Amino acid sequence: MLSWVLQLVLFFIPPLILMFTSRPGSFVHRNAVQGLFFQLALYVAAALLGVVSFVTCGAGALLCGVLGLIGVAVPIIGGVVAFGGNVFEPPVSSGVAKSLTR
C-alpha cells in the first residue's frame, strides 16, 4: 500500500526503494514492481504526449488533464487494493511487469 500511496508525492522513488529492499516474490515486492512499471509507463506516455503537443502546435496538450487524472487515480486505487491484501495490476503496465519479474 505504501508503494502506491507515496507515488502521489514522490513518483517513482518509493516503488524503487521498496523493490530493492524487499524479498523477491513477496507481497511488497510484487506491488512495488507493479507501481514502478506504472510510473515508467506514465513517463513514456507523458513524453509521447509532449511530442504530439509539439507537432500539433498544442492541440495534443488537451490530453494532459486526462494523463494527470490517470496519474492520480491509479495510485489511489492501487493503495486501496493493496490495503485489502491483493496485488494491484494496472491495465497498462501489468503485462510488462509480470513478464520481467518471472
Protein backbone atom coordinates (compact mmCIF):
# COMPACT_ATOMS: atom_id res chain seq x y z
CA MET A 1 0.00 0.00 0.00
CA LEU A 2 2.81 2.38 0.88
CA SER A 3 4.35 1.89 -2.53
CA TRP A 4 1.17 3.04 -4.25
CA VAL A 5 0.14 5.91 -2.00
CA LEU A 6 3.57 7.53 -1.83
CA GLN A 7 3.66 7.67 -5.62
CA LEU A 8 1.30 10.64 -5.38
CA VAL A 9 4.07 12.70 -3.82
CA LEU A 10 7.41 11.07 -4.68
CA PHE A 11 6.54 9.49 -8.05
CA PHE A 12 8.83 6.52 -8.86
CA ILE A 13 11.13 6.73 -5.81
CA PRO A 14 9.04 4.71 -3.26
CA PRO A 15 8.43 1.72 -5.54
CA LEU A 16 12.10 1.69 -6.48
CA ILE A 17 13.25 1.70 -2.85
CA LEU A 18 10.71 -0.92 -1.79
CA MET A 19 11.55 -3.11 -4.76
CA PHE A 20 15.24 -3.22 -3.85
CA THR A 21 14.71 -3.60 -0.10
CA SER A 22 12.01 -6.31 -0.11
CA ARG A 23 12.39 -10.03 -0.65
CA PRO A 24 11.73 -11.07 -4.30
CA GLY A 25 8.32 -12.65 -4.70
CA SER A 26 6.90 -11.10 -1.54
CA PHE A 27 3.69 -9.09 -1.45
CA VAL A 28 5.58 -5.81 -1.05
CA HIS A 29 7.96 -6.64 -3.89
CA ARG A 30 5.17 -7.52 -6.32
CA ASN A 31 3.26 -4.31 -5.54
CA ALA A 32 6.44 -2.24 -5.82
CA VAL A 33 7.27 -3.73 -9.23
CA GLN A 34 3.74 -3.04 -10.49
CA GLY A 35 3.96 0.54 -9.19
CA LEU A 36 7.36 1.14 -10.73
CA PHE A 37 6.28 -0.09 -14.14
CA PHE A 38 3.12 2.01 -13.93
CA GLN A 39 5.23 5.11 -13.26
CA LEU A 40 7.53 4.25 -16.16
CA ALA A 41 4.52 3.82 -18.45
CA LEU A 42 3.19 7.17 -17.25
CA TYR A 43 6.52 8.86 -18.03
CA VAL A 44 6.62 7.33 -21.51
CA ALA A 45 3.04 8.46 -22.15
CA ALA A 46 3.91 11.98 -20.96
CA ALA A 47 6.91 12.10 -23.29
CA LEU A 48 4.82 10.93 -26.24
CA LEU A 49 2.14 13.45 -25.35
CA GLY A 50 4.78 16.17 -25.30
CA VAL A 51 5.90 15.23 -28.81
CA VAL A 52 2.30 15.11 -30.03
CA SER A 53 1.65 18.52 -28.45
CA PHE A 54 4.70 19.97 -30.16
CA VAL A 55 3.80 18.53 -33.56
CA THR A 56 0.15 19.63 -33.35
CA CYS A 57 1.04 23.11 -32.06
CA GLY A 58 -0.51 22.48 -28.67
CA ALA A 59 -3.67 20.60 -29.64
CA GLY A 60 -2.31 17.43 -28.01
CA ALA A 61 -1.96 19.30 -24.72
CA LEU A 62 -5.68 18.86 -24.20
CA LEU A 63 -4.94 15.28 -23.16
CA CYS A 64 -2.61 16.39 -20.34
CA GLY A 65 -5.53 16.58 -17.94
CA VAL A 66 -6.52 13.01 -18.74
CA LEU A 67 -2.97 11.80 -18.15
CA GLY A 68 -2.80 13.71 -14.87
CA LEU A 69 -6.09 12.20 -13.74
CA ILE A 70 -4.79 8.72 -14.52
CA GLY A 71 -1.59 9.51 -12.63
CA VAL A 72 -3.61 10.37 -9.52
CA ALA A 73 -6.44 7.83 -9.72
CA VAL A 74 -4.42 4.66 -10.36
CA PRO A 75 -2.12 5.01 -7.31
CA ILE A 76 -5.15 5.66 -5.09
CA ILE A 77 -6.92 2.59 -6.45
CA GLY A 78 -3.69 0.60 -6.08
CA GLY A 79 -3.36 1.67 -2.44
CA VAL A 80 -6.92 0.61 -1.66
CA VAL A 81 -6.49 -2.76 -3.38
CA ALA A 82 -3.12 -3.37 -1.67
CA PHE A 83 -4.64 -2.44 1.70
CA GLY A 84 -7.13 -5.24 1.08
CA GLY A 85 -4.27 -7.73 0.73
CA ASN A 86 -4.19 -8.10 -3.05
CA VAL A 87 -1.59 -7.17 -5.64
CA PHE A 88 -2.92 -4.40 -7.87
CA GLU A 89 -2.11 -4.83 -11.55
CA PRO A 90 -2.72 -1.67 -13.58
CA PRO A 91 -4.11 -2.48 -17.02
CA VAL A 92 -1.40 -0.56 -18.87
CA SER A 93 1.76 -1.96 -17.36
CA SER A 94 0.90 -5.24 -15.65
CA GLY A 95 1.81 -7.45 -18.60
CA VAL A 96 5.30 -5.99 -18.85
CA ALA A 97 5.86 -6.19 -15.11
CA LYS A 98 4.73 -9.82 -14.98
CA SER A 99 6.93 -10.88 -17.88
CA LEU A 100 10.05 -9.22 -16.47
CA THR A 101 9.67 -10.49 -12.92
CA ARG A 102 9.23 -14.19 -13.62
